[in-house]
Amino acid sequence: MEQAKALYSEFVGAPNSQKLLEFVGERLSAAPEESDVVHDLLAYLAERMIEMNKEKNGEIKSFLDFLKGEIGVSVEDLSNKTAIQEYYRHEFQNLIDVFAKNKKKLKARYDPKSPSNYKHLQQWYNDSTGKLKPLMGRIEATDGLIDAIVYKLYGLTEDEIKIVEESISGKGQETSGHDN
């Protein structure tokens, strides 16, 4: 298991699943089969996913708490609150535009476009997204790695994997129930 953890650490630094998948393949083809090691690896990866998601949620909460103090109102009380709650998915200017549209709800005389407020908001935004983007990249890469290990565990072919992934993403579904 220590070897698997070391391979995962290497994977996090440079997401290439080949070595880890080779490790899994070796465990599954060993005589006797060492599927318990693969199970332990999957459990470890699931724990990492939980930890990374907690870290992500903590950073988002920290930023939203900062915003509440900065603008004097809860994000929940603003229109287009989803764009604010998912600030890390949007450009900074989108956040400013949402605040500008909600200006009457913000604390007295608070202008998100004033140079000092704009700069302060942008600094917090940049700090937060600077933490979140690599973290979300690791979450996505680890999620893909878990999928690849499960596919290997079940011995799926490339065609079967494609079918599974298309069904998950909703691609390849018919638009109507009728044949043309």
N, C-alpha and C. Protein backbone atom coordinates (compact mmCIF):
# COMPACT_ATOMS: atom_id res chain seq x y z
N MET A 1 0.83 -1.20 0.00
CA MET A 1 0.00 0.00 0.00
C MET A 1 0.87 1.26 0.00
N GLU A 2 2.02 1.19 0.64
CA GLU A 2 2.92 2.35 0.65
C GLU A 2 3.36 2.70 -0.76
N GLN A 3 3.58 1.67 -1.58
CA GLN A 3 3.96 1.91 -2.98
C GLN A 3 2.82 2.63 -3.71
N ALA A 4 1.61 2.21 -3.45
CA ALA A 4 0.44 2.85 -4.09
C ALA A 4 0.32 4.31 -3.65
N LYS A 5 0.54 4.58 -2.37
CA LYS A 5 0.48 5.96 -1.88
C LYS A 5 1.57 6.81 -2.53
N ALA A 6 2.75 6.24 -2.67
CA ALA A 6 3.85 6.97 -3.31
C ALA A 6 3.52 7.25 -4.78
N LEU A 7 2.93 6.28 -5.45
CA LEU A 7 2.53 6.47 -6.84
C LEU A 7 1.44 7.54 -6.95
N TYR A 8 0.53 7.57 -5.98
CA TYR A 8 -0.51 8.60 -5.99
C TYR A 8 0.11 9.98 -5.78
N SER A 9 1.06 10.09 -4.86
CA SER A 9 1.73 11.37 -4.63
C SER A 9 2.40 11.86 -5.90
N GLU A 10 3.01 10.93 -6.62
CA GLU A 10 3.63 11.26 -7.90
C GLU A 10 2.56 11.70 -8.91
N PHE A 11 1.43 11.00 -8.90
CA PHE A 11 0.32 11.32 -9.80
C PHE A 11 -0.21 12.72 -9.54
N VAL A 12 -0.33 13.11 -8.27
CA VAL A 12 -0.84 14.43 -7.92
C VAL A 12 0.08 15.52 -8.47
N GLY A 13 1.38 15.26 -8.46
CA GLY A 13 2.33 16.23 -8.98
C GLY A 13 2.27 16.37 -10.49
N ALA A 14 2.02 15.28 -11.17
CA ALA A 14 1.94 15.27 -12.63
C ALA A 14 0.93 14.21 -13.05
N PRO A 15 -0.35 14.60 -13.15
CA PRO A 15 -1.40 13.62 -13.41
C PRO A 15 -1.20 12.77 -14.67
N ASN A 16 -0.63 11.60 -14.43
CA ASN A 16 -0.48 10.57 -15.46
C ASN A 16 -0.75 9.26 -14.74
N SER A 17 -1.86 8.64 -15.06
CA SER A 17 -2.32 7.47 -14.31
C SER A 17 -1.64 6.17 -14.71
N GLN A 18 -0.76 6.19 -15.70
CA GLN A 18 -0.18 4.96 -16.23
C GLN A 18 0.49 4.10 -15.15
N LYS A 19 1.35 4.69 -14.33
CA LYS A 19 2.06 3.90 -13.31
C LYS A 19 1.10 3.30 -12.29
N LEU A 20 0.12 4.09 -11.87
CA LEU A 20 -0.85 3.57 -10.90
C LEU A 20 -1.71 2.47 -11.50
N LEU A 21 -2.10 2.63 -12.75
CA LEU A 21 -2.91 1.60 -13.40
C LEU A 21 -2.10 0.34 -13.65
N GLU A 22 -0.80 0.50 -13.93
CA GLU A 22 0.07 -0.68 -14.06
C GLU A 22 0.17 -1.39 -12.71
N PHE A 23 0.30 -0.62 -11.64
CA PHE A 23 0.34 -1.18 -10.29
C PHE A 23 -0.93 -1.99 -10.02
N VAL A 24 -2.08 -1.40 -10.36
CA VAL A 24 -3.37 -2.09 -10.16
C VAL A 24 -3.41 -3.37 -10.99
N GLY A 25 -3.00 -3.27 -12.24
CA GLY A 25 -2.98 -4.44 -13.12
C GLY A 25 -2.11 -5.56 -12.57
N GLU A 26 -0.95 -5.18 -12.03
CA GLU A 26 -0.04 -6.18 -11.43
C GLU A 26 -0.70 -6.84 -10.22
N ARG A 27 -1.40 -6.07 -9.40
CA ARG A 27 -2.07 -6.64 -8.22
C ARG A 27 -3.18 -7.60 -8.65
N LEU A 28 -3.90 -7.24 -9.70
CA LEU A 28 -5.02 -8.07 -10.14
C LEU A 28 -4.57 -9.33 -10.87
N SER A 29 -3.39 -9.29 -11.47
CA SER A 29 -2.91 -10.47 -12.20
C SER A 29 -1.96 -11.32 -11.36
N ALA A 30 -1.69 -10.91 -10.13
CA ALA A 30 -0.81 -11.68 -9.25
C ALA A 30 -1.49 -13.00 -8.87
N ALA A 31 -0.66 -13.98 -8.56
CA ALA A 31 -1.20 -15.27 -8.10
C ALA A 31 -0.72 -15.48 -6.67
N PRO A 32 -1.57 -15.53 -5.68
CA PRO A 32 -3.01 -15.27 -5.77
C PRO A 32 -3.28 -13.78 -5.98
N GLU A 33 -4.47 -13.51 -6.49
CA GLU A 33 -4.87 -12.13 -6.78
C GLU A 33 -4.78 -11.27 -5.52
N GLU A 34 -4.30 -10.06 -5.69
CA GLU A 34 -4.15 -9.13 -4.57
C GLU A 34 -5.18 -7.99 -4.68
N SER A 35 -6.42 -8.38 -4.89
CA SER A 35 -7.47 -7.36 -5.05
C SER A 35 -7.69 -6.56 -3.77
N ASP A 36 -7.28 -7.13 -2.62
CA ASP A 36 -7.41 -6.40 -1.37
C ASP A 36 -6.55 -5.13 -1.39
N VAL A 37 -5.41 -5.18 -2.07
CA VAL A 37 -4.55 -4.00 -2.19
C VAL A 37 -5.26 -2.94 -3.04
N VAL A 38 -5.94 -3.39 -4.10
CA VAL A 38 -6.69 -2.46 -4.95
C VAL A 38 -7.84 -1.85 -4.15
N HIS A 39 -8.51 -2.67 -3.35
CA HIS A 39 -9.58 -2.16 -2.48
C HIS A 39 -9.03 -1.10 -1.53
N ASP A 40 -7.89 -1.40 -0.91
CA ASP A 40 -7.28 -0.44 0.02
C ASP A 40 -6.90 0.86 -0.70
N LEU A 41 -6.40 0.73 -1.93
CA LEU A 41 -6.05 1.92 -2.72
C LEU A 41 -7.30 2.75 -3.00
N LEU A 42 -8.38 2.10 -3.40
CA LEU A 42 -9.63 2.83 -3.65
C LEU A 42 -10.14 3.52 -2.39
N ALA A 43 -10.03 2.84 -1.25
CA ALA A 43 -10.45 3.44 0.02
C ALA A 43 -9.58 4.67 0.33
N TYR A 44 -8.28 4.55 0.09
CA TYR A 44 -7.36 5.67 0.31
C TYR A 44 -7.72 6.84 -0.61
N LEU A 45 -7.99 6.55 -1.88
CA LEU A 45 -8.35 7.61 -2.82
C LEU A 45 -9.67 8.27 -2.44
N ALA A 46 -10.61 7.48 -1.95
CA ALA A 46 -11.89 8.04 -1.49
C ALA A 46 -11.66 8.98 -0.30
N GLU A 47 -10.78 8.59 0.61
CA GLU A 47 -10.43 9.46 1.75
C GLU A 47 -9.81 10.76 1.26
N ARG A 48 -8.93 10.67 0.29
CA ARG A 48 -8.29 11.87 -0.27
C ARG A 48 -9.36 12.78 -0.90
N MET A 49 -10.31 12.18 -1.61
CA MET A 49 -11.39 12.97 -2.22
C MET A 49 -12.19 13.72 -1.15
N ILE A 50 -12.49 13.03 -0.06
CA ILE A 50 -13.23 13.66 1.03
C ILE A 50 -12.42 14.82 1.60
N GLU A 51 -11.13 14.59 1.86
CA GLU A 51 -10.27 15.65 2.40
C GLU A 51 -10.18 16.84 1.46
N MET A 52 -9.99 16.57 0.16
CA MET A 52 -9.87 17.66 -0.81
C MET A 52 -11.18 18.43 -0.94
N ASN A 53 -12.31 17.73 -0.90
CA ASN A 53 -13.59 18.42 -0.97
C ASN A 53 -13.85 19.25 0.28
N LYS A 54 -13.43 18.77 1.44
CA LYS A 54 -13.54 19.56 2.67
C LYS A 54 -12.70 20.82 2.55
N GLU A 55 -11.49 20.67 2.02
CA GLU A 55 -10.61 21.82 1.82
C GLU A 55 -11.24 22.82 0.85
N LYS A 56 -11.80 22.32 -0.23
CA LYS A 56 -12.48 23.17 -1.23
C LYS A 56 -13.64 23.92 -0.57
N ASN A 57 -14.49 23.19 0.13
CA ASN A 57 -15.66 23.80 0.77
C ASN A 57 -15.24 24.82 1.83
N GLY A 58 -14.16 24.53 2.55
CA GLY A 58 -13.65 25.46 3.55
C GLY A 58 -13.17 26.76 2.92
N GLU A 59 -12.48 26.65 1.80
CA GLU A 59 -12.00 27.85 1.11
C GLU A 59 -13.17 28.67 0.57
N ILE A 60 -14.15 28.00 0.01
CA ILE A 60 -15.33 28.71 -0.50
C ILE A 60 -16.05 29.42 0.64
N LYS A 61 -16.23 28.74 1.76
CA LYS A 61 -16.89 29.34 2.92
C LYS A 61 -16.11 30.55 3.42
N SER A 62 -14.80 30.42 3.48
CA SER A 62 -13.96 31.53 3.92
C SER A 62 -14.15 32.76 3.03
N PHE A 63 -14.17 32.54 1.72
CA PHE A 63 -14.35 33.66 0.80
C PHE A 63 -15.74 34.27 0.95
N LEU A 64 -16.76 33.43 1.05
CA LEU A 64 -18.13 33.95 1.19
C LEU A 64 -18.32 34.68 2.52
N ASP A 65 -17.65 34.21 3.58
CA ASP A 65 -17.70 34.91 4.87
C ASP A 65 -17.03 36.28 4.75
N PHE A 66 -15.90 36.32 4.04
CA PHE A 66 -15.23 37.60 3.80
C PHE A 66 -16.18 38.55 3.07
N LEU A 67 -16.85 38.03 2.04
CA LEU A 67 -17.77 38.88 1.27
C LEU A 67 -18.87 39.45 2.15
N LYS A 68 -19.42 38.62 3.02
CA LYS A 68 -20.49 39.09 3.90
C LYS A 68 -20.01 40.26 4.75
N GLY A 69 -18.81 40.14 5.29
CA GLY A 69 -18.25 41.24 6.08
C GLY A 69 -17.93 42.46 5.22
N GLU A 70 -17.48 42.22 4.03
CA GLU A 70 -17.09 43.31 3.13
C GLU A 70 -18.29 44.10 2.62
N ILE A 71 -19.33 43.40 2.18
CA ILE A 71 -20.47 44.08 1.55
C ILE A 71 -21.62 44.34 2.53
N GLY A 72 -21.51 43.76 3.73
CA GLY A 72 -22.49 44.04 4.78
C GLY A 72 -23.81 43.31 4.65
N VAL A 73 -23.84 42.26 3.85
CA VAL A 73 -25.09 41.52 3.67
C VAL A 73 -24.74 40.08 3.30
N SER A 74 -25.61 39.16 3.66
CA SER A 74 -25.40 37.77 3.30
C SER A 74 -25.62 37.58 1.80
N VAL A 75 -24.81 36.74 1.21
CA VAL A 75 -24.96 36.41 -0.21
C VAL A 75 -26.37 35.88 -0.48
N GLU A 76 -26.94 35.20 0.50
CA GLU A 76 -28.29 34.63 0.37
C GLU A 76 -29.34 35.70 0.08
N ASP A 77 -29.07 36.94 0.50
CA ASP A 77 -30.04 38.02 0.34
C ASP A 77 -29.92 38.75 -1.00
N LEU A 78 -28.97 38.33 -1.83
CA LEU A 78 -28.72 39.01 -3.10
C LEU A 78 -29.34 38.24 -4.26
N SER A 79 -29.67 38.96 -5.32
CA SER A 79 -30.12 38.28 -6.53
C SER A 79 -28.90 37.74 -7.26
N ASN A 80 -29.10 36.68 -8.01
CA ASN A 80 -28.03 35.98 -8.72
C ASN A 80 -26.97 35.45 -7.74
N LYS A 81 -27.46 34.96 -6.60
CA LYS A 81 -26.55 34.46 -5.57
C LYS A 81 -25.74 33.25 -6.02
N THR A 82 -26.26 32.47 -6.96
CA THR A 82 -25.53 31.30 -7.44
C THR A 82 -24.23 31.72 -8.11
N ALA A 83 -24.26 32.81 -8.86
CA ALA A 83 -23.04 33.30 -9.51
C ALA A 83 -22.01 33.71 -8.46
N ILE A 84 -22.47 34.22 -7.33
CA ILE A 84 -21.55 34.60 -6.26
C ILE A 84 -21.03 33.35 -5.56
N GLN A 85 -21.93 32.42 -5.24
CA GLN A 85 -21.53 31.20 -4.55
C GLN A 85 -20.58 30.36 -5.39
N GLU A 86 -20.70 30.47 -6.70
CA GLU A 86 -19.82 29.73 -7.61
C GLU A 86 -18.82 30.67 -8.27
N TYR A 87 -18.35 31.64 -7.51
CA TYR A 87 -17.43 32.67 -8.00
C TYR A 87 -16.20 32.09 -8.68
N TYR A 88 -15.74 30.95 -8.22
CA TYR A 88 -14.53 30.32 -8.73
C TYR A 88 -14.71 29.78 -10.16
N ARG A 89 -15.94 29.71 -10.63
CA ARG A 89 -16.23 29.25 -11.99
C ARG A 89 -16.30 30.42 -12.98
N HIS A 90 -16.23 31.63 -12.48
CA HIS A 90 -16.43 32.83 -13.31
C HIS A 90 -15.24 33.77 -13.19
N GLU A 91 -15.17 34.68 -14.14
CA GLU A 91 -14.16 35.73 -14.10
C GLU A 91 -14.52 36.71 -12.98
N PHE A 92 -13.52 37.41 -12.48
CA PHE A 92 -13.72 38.37 -11.40
C PHE A 92 -14.76 39.43 -11.77
N GLN A 93 -14.71 39.91 -12.99
CA GLN A 93 -15.62 40.98 -13.41
C GLN A 93 -17.08 40.56 -13.26
N ASN A 94 -17.37 39.28 -13.42
CA ASN A 94 -18.73 38.78 -13.24
C ASN A 94 -19.21 39.03 -11.80
N LEU A 95 -18.32 38.82 -10.85
CA LEU A 95 -18.65 39.05 -9.43
C LEU A 95 -18.97 40.53 -9.20
N ILE A 96 -18.14 41.39 -9.75
CA ILE A 96 -18.35 42.84 -9.61
C ILE A 96 -19.69 43.24 -10.25
N ASP A 97 -19.98 42.68 -11.41
CA ASP A 97 -21.24 43.00 -12.09
C ASP A 97 -22.45 42.58 -11.25
N VAL A 98 -22.37 41.42 -10.62
CA VAL A 98 -23.48 40.96 -9.77
C VAL A 98 -23.64 41.90 -8.57
N PHE A 99 -22.52 42.31 -7.96
CA PHE A 99 -22.61 43.25 -6.84
C PHE A 99 -23.20 44.59 -7.30
N ALA A 100 -22.79 45.05 -8.47
CA ALA A 100 -23.30 46.33 -8.98
C ALA A 100 -24.81 46.26 -9.17
N LYS A 101 -25.31 45.13 -9.64
CA LYS A 101 -26.76 44.97 -9.84
C LYS A 101 -27.50 44.92 -8.51
N ASN A 102 -26.80 44.54 -7.45
CA ASN A 102 -27.38 44.43 -6.11
C ASN A 102 -27.00 45.62 -5.23
N LYS A 103 -26.51 46.70 -5.82
CA LYS A 103 -25.92 47.81 -5.06
C LYS A 103 -26.84 48.34 -3.96
N LYS A 104 -28.14 48.39 -4.21
CA LYS A 104 -29.07 48.92 -3.21
C LYS A 104 -29.17 48.02 -1.98
N LYS A 105 -28.79 46.75 -2.12
CA LYS A 105 -28.86 45.81 -1.00
C LYS A 105 -27.56 45.79 -0.20
N LEU A 106 -26.49 46.34 -0.75
CA LEU A 106 -25.19 46.34 -0.08
C LEU A 106 -25.18 47.38 1.02
N LYS A 107 -24.20 47.28 1.93
CA LYS A 107 -24.15 48.24 3.04
C LYS A 107 -24.06 49.66 2.49
N ALA A 108 -24.50 50.60 3.31
CA ALA A 108 -24.60 52.00 2.89
C ALA A 108 -23.30 52.50 2.27
N ARG A 109 -23.45 53.14 1.14
CA ARG A 109 -22.35 53.77 0.41
C ARG A 109 -21.25 52.80 -0.02
N TYR A 110 -21.55 51.50 -0.07
CA TYR A 110 -20.52 50.55 -0.55
C TYR A 110 -20.62 50.46 -2.06
N ASP A 111 -19.52 50.75 -2.71
CA ASP A 111 -19.46 50.68 -4.17
C ASP A 111 -18.39 49.66 -4.56
N PRO A 112 -18.79 48.51 -5.11
CA PRO A 112 -17.81 47.49 -5.46
C PRO A 112 -16.86 47.93 -6.58
N LYS A 113 -17.24 48.99 -7.30
CA LYS A 113 -16.41 49.47 -8.40
C LYS A 113 -15.45 50.58 -8.00
N SER A 114 -15.56 51.07 -6.74
CA SER A 114 -14.59 52.09 -6.32
C SER A 114 -13.21 51.45 -6.33
N PRO A 115 -12.18 52.21 -6.67
CA PRO A 115 -10.84 51.61 -6.80
C PRO A 115 -10.38 50.81 -5.58
N SER A 116 -10.60 51.33 -4.38
CA SER A 116 -10.11 50.61 -3.20
C SER A 116 -10.92 49.33 -2.95
N ASN A 117 -12.24 49.39 -3.08
CA ASN A 117 -13.06 48.19 -2.89
C ASN A 117 -12.79 47.16 -3.98
N TYR A 118 -12.69 47.64 -5.21
CA TYR A 118 -12.42 46.76 -6.35
C TYR A 118 -11.11 46.00 -6.13
N LYS A 119 -10.08 46.74 -5.75
CA LYS A 119 -8.76 46.13 -5.53
C LYS A 119 -8.80 45.12 -4.39
N HIS A 120 -9.50 45.47 -3.31
CA HIS A 120 -9.61 44.58 -2.15
C HIS A 120 -10.35 43.30 -2.51
N LEU A 121 -11.47 43.45 -3.20
CA LEU A 121 -12.24 42.28 -3.65
C LEU A 121 -11.42 41.41 -4.60
N GLN A 122 -10.71 42.07 -5.52
CA GLN A 122 -9.92 41.33 -6.50
C GLN A 122 -8.79 40.55 -5.82
N GLN A 123 -8.17 41.14 -4.81
CA GLN A 123 -7.10 40.45 -4.10
C GLN A 123 -7.63 39.19 -3.42
N TRP A 124 -8.77 39.30 -2.75
CA TRP A 124 -9.37 38.13 -2.10
C TRP A 124 -9.80 37.08 -3.12
N TYR A 125 -10.39 37.55 -4.22
CA TYR A 125 -10.82 36.65 -5.29
C TYR A 125 -9.61 35.90 -5.85
N ASN A 126 -8.56 36.62 -6.17
CA ASN A 126 -7.36 35.99 -6.74
C ASN A 126 -6.73 35.01 -5.77
N ASP A 127 -6.67 35.37 -4.49
CA ASP A 127 -6.12 34.45 -3.49
C ASP A 127 -6.95 33.17 -3.41
N SER A 128 -8.26 33.34 -3.37
CA SER A 128 -9.15 32.18 -3.23
C SER A 128 -9.11 31.30 -4.47
N THR A 129 -9.27 31.90 -5.64
CA THR A 129 -9.25 31.08 -6.87
C THR A 129 -7.87 30.49 -7.11
N GLY A 130 -6.84 31.18 -6.63
CA GLY A 130 -5.49 30.63 -6.75
C GLY A 130 -5.32 29.35 -5.94
N LYS A 131 -6.06 29.23 -4.85
CA LYS A 131 -6.06 28.00 -4.04
C LYS A 131 -6.99 26.95 -4.65
N LEU A 132 -8.15 27.41 -5.11
CA LEU A 132 -9.18 26.48 -5.57
C LEU A 132 -8.87 25.81 -6.90
N LYS A 133 -8.32 26.55 -7.84
CA LYS A 133 -8.12 25.97 -9.18
C LYS A 133 -7.21 24.75 -9.16
N PRO A 134 -6.04 24.81 -8.52
CA PRO A 134 -5.23 23.58 -8.48
C PRO A 134 -5.88 22.47 -7.66
N LEU A 135 -6.57 22.85 -6.59
CA LEU A 135 -7.25 21.87 -5.75
C LEU A 135 -8.35 21.17 -6.55
N MET A 136 -9.13 21.93 -7.30
CA MET A 136 -10.18 21.33 -8.10
C MET A 136 -9.60 20.47 -9.22
N GLY A 137 -8.44 20.85 -9.71
CA GLY A 137 -7.76 20.02 -10.70
C GLY A 137 -7.37 18.68 -10.12
N ARG A 138 -6.87 18.69 -8.87
CA ARG A 138 -6.51 17.43 -8.19
C ARG A 138 -7.75 16.59 -7.92
N ILE A 139 -8.84 17.23 -7.55
CA ILE A 139 -10.10 16.50 -7.30
C ILE A 139 -10.55 15.83 -8.59
N GLU A 140 -10.56 16.57 -9.68
CA GLU A 140 -10.99 16.02 -10.96
C GLU A 140 -10.07 14.89 -11.42
N ALA A 141 -8.77 15.08 -11.26
CA ALA A 141 -7.81 14.05 -11.68
C ALA A 141 -7.97 12.79 -10.83
N THR A 142 -8.16 12.96 -9.53
CA THR A 142 -8.34 11.81 -8.63
C THR A 142 -9.64 11.09 -8.94
N ASP A 143 -10.68 11.83 -9.23
CA ASP A 143 -11.96 11.22 -9.61
C ASP A 143 -11.80 10.39 -10.88
N GLY A 144 -11.09 10.92 -11.85
CA GLY A 144 -10.83 10.17 -13.08
C GLY A 144 -9.99 8.93 -12.83
N LEU A 145 -9.03 9.05 -11.91
CA LEU A 145 -8.19 7.91 -11.55
C LEU A 145 -9.02 6.81 -10.91
N ILE A 146 -9.91 7.19 -10.01
CA ILE A 146 -10.79 6.20 -9.37
C ILE A 146 -11.62 5.48 -10.43
N ASP A 147 -12.18 6.24 -11.37
CA ASP A 147 -12.95 5.62 -12.45
C ASP A 147 -12.09 4.62 -13.22
N ALA A 148 -10.87 5.03 -13.57
CA ALA A 148 -9.98 4.16 -14.36
C ALA A 148 -9.64 2.88 -13.60
N ILE A 149 -9.43 2.99 -12.29
CA ILE A 149 -9.13 1.80 -11.48
C ILE A 149 -10.33 0.87 -11.44
N VAL A 150 -11.52 1.44 -11.27
CA VAL A 150 -12.74 0.62 -11.25
C VAL A 150 -12.93 -0.07 -12.60
N TYR A 151 -12.69 0.64 -13.69
CA TYR A 151 -12.80 0.02 -15.02
C TYR A 151 -11.84 -1.15 -15.15
N LYS A 152 -10.62 -0.96 -14.65
CA LYS A 152 -9.61 -2.01 -14.71
C LYS A 152 -10.02 -3.18 -13.82
N LEU A 153 -10.54 -2.87 -12.65
CA LEU A 153 -10.99 -3.90 -11.71
C LEU A 153 -12.06 -4.79 -12.34
N TYR A 154 -12.95 -4.18 -13.11
CA TYR A 154 -14.01 -4.94 -13.77
C TYR A 154 -13.62 -5.45 -15.15
N GLY A 155 -12.41 -5.13 -15.58
CA GLY A 155 -11.92 -5.63 -16.86
C GLY A 155 -12.66 -5.07 -18.06
N LEU A 156 -13.09 -3.82 -17.98
CA LEU A 156 -13.83 -3.22 -19.09
C LEU A 156 -12.92 -2.93 -20.28
N THR A 157 -13.46 -3.11 -21.46
CA THR A 157 -12.75 -2.78 -22.69
C THR A 157 -12.90 -1.27 -22.96
N GLU A 158 -12.13 -0.75 -23.90
CA GLU A 158 -12.24 0.66 -24.27
C GLU A 158 -13.66 1.00 -24.72
N ASP A 159 -14.28 0.10 -25.50
CA ASP A 159 -15.65 0.34 -25.96
C ASP A 159 -16.64 0.38 -24.80
N GLU A 160 -16.47 -0.52 -23.85
CA GLU A 160 -17.36 -0.56 -22.67
C GLU A 160 -17.16 0.70 -21.82
N ILE A 161 -15.91 1.13 -21.68
CA ILE A 161 -15.63 2.35 -20.92
C ILE A 161 -16.31 3.54 -21.59
N LYS A 162 -16.22 3.61 -22.91
CA LYS A 162 -16.85 4.70 -23.65
C LYS A 162 -18.36 4.72 -23.41
N ILE A 163 -18.98 3.54 -23.43
CA ILE A 163 -20.42 3.45 -23.18
C ILE A 163 -20.76 3.95 -21.78
N VAL A 164 -19.98 3.52 -20.79
CA VAL A 164 -20.22 3.94 -19.40
C VAL A 164 -20.08 5.46 -19.28
N GLU A 165 -19.00 6.00 -19.82
CA GLU A 165 -18.76 7.44 -19.69
C GLU A 165 -19.79 8.27 -20.44
N GLU A 166 -20.24 7.78 -21.59
CA GLU A 166 -21.28 8.50 -22.32
C GLU A 166 -22.60 8.47 -21.57
N SER A 167 -22.89 7.34 -20.92
CA SER A 167 -24.15 7.26 -20.17
C SER A 167 -24.12 8.17 -18.94
N ILE A 168 -22.94 8.31 -18.34
CA ILE A 168 -22.81 9.18 -17.17
C ILE A 168 -22.94 10.65 -17.58
N SER A 169 -22.31 11.01 -18.68
CA SER A 169 -22.32 12.41 -19.10
C SER A 169 -23.58 12.78 -19.86
N GLY A 170 -24.39 11.79 -20.21
CA GLY A 170 -25.63 12.06 -20.94
C GLY A 170 -25.44 12.13 -22.43
N LYS A 171 -24.21 11.91 -22.90
CA LYS A 171 -23.95 11.94 -24.35
C LYS A 171 -24.43 10.63 -24.95
N GLY A 172 -24.72 10.68 -26.20
CA GLY A 172 -25.10 9.47 -26.91
C GLY A 172 -26.53 9.05 -26.67
N GLN A 173 -27.28 9.84 -25.90
CA GLN A 173 -28.68 9.49 -25.67
C GLN A 173 -29.51 10.01 -26.83
N GLU A 174 -30.53 9.27 -27.16
CA GLU A 174 -31.42 9.70 -28.23
C GLU A 174 -32.21 10.91 -27.78
N THR A 175 -32.50 11.80 -28.72
CA THR A 175 -33.27 12.99 -28.40
C THR A 175 -34.76 12.72 -28.37
N SER A 176 -35.18 11.66 -29.01
CA SER A 176 -36.59 11.29 -28.95
C SER A 176 -36.69 9.77 -28.90
N GLY A 177 -37.84 9.29 -28.59
CA GLY A 177 -38.03 7.85 -28.50
C GLY A 177 -38.41 7.24 -29.82
N HIS A 178 -38.37 8.01 -30.90
CA HIS A 178 -38.80 7.53 -32.20
C HIS A 178 -37.62 7.29 -33.12
N ASP A 179 -37.70 6.21 -33.91
CA ASP A 179 -36.69 5.97 -34.94
C ASP A 179 -37.06 6.79 -36.16
N ASN A 180 -36.08 7.34 -36.84
CA ASN A 180 -36.36 8.13 -38.05
C ASN A 180 -36.27 7.28 -39.26
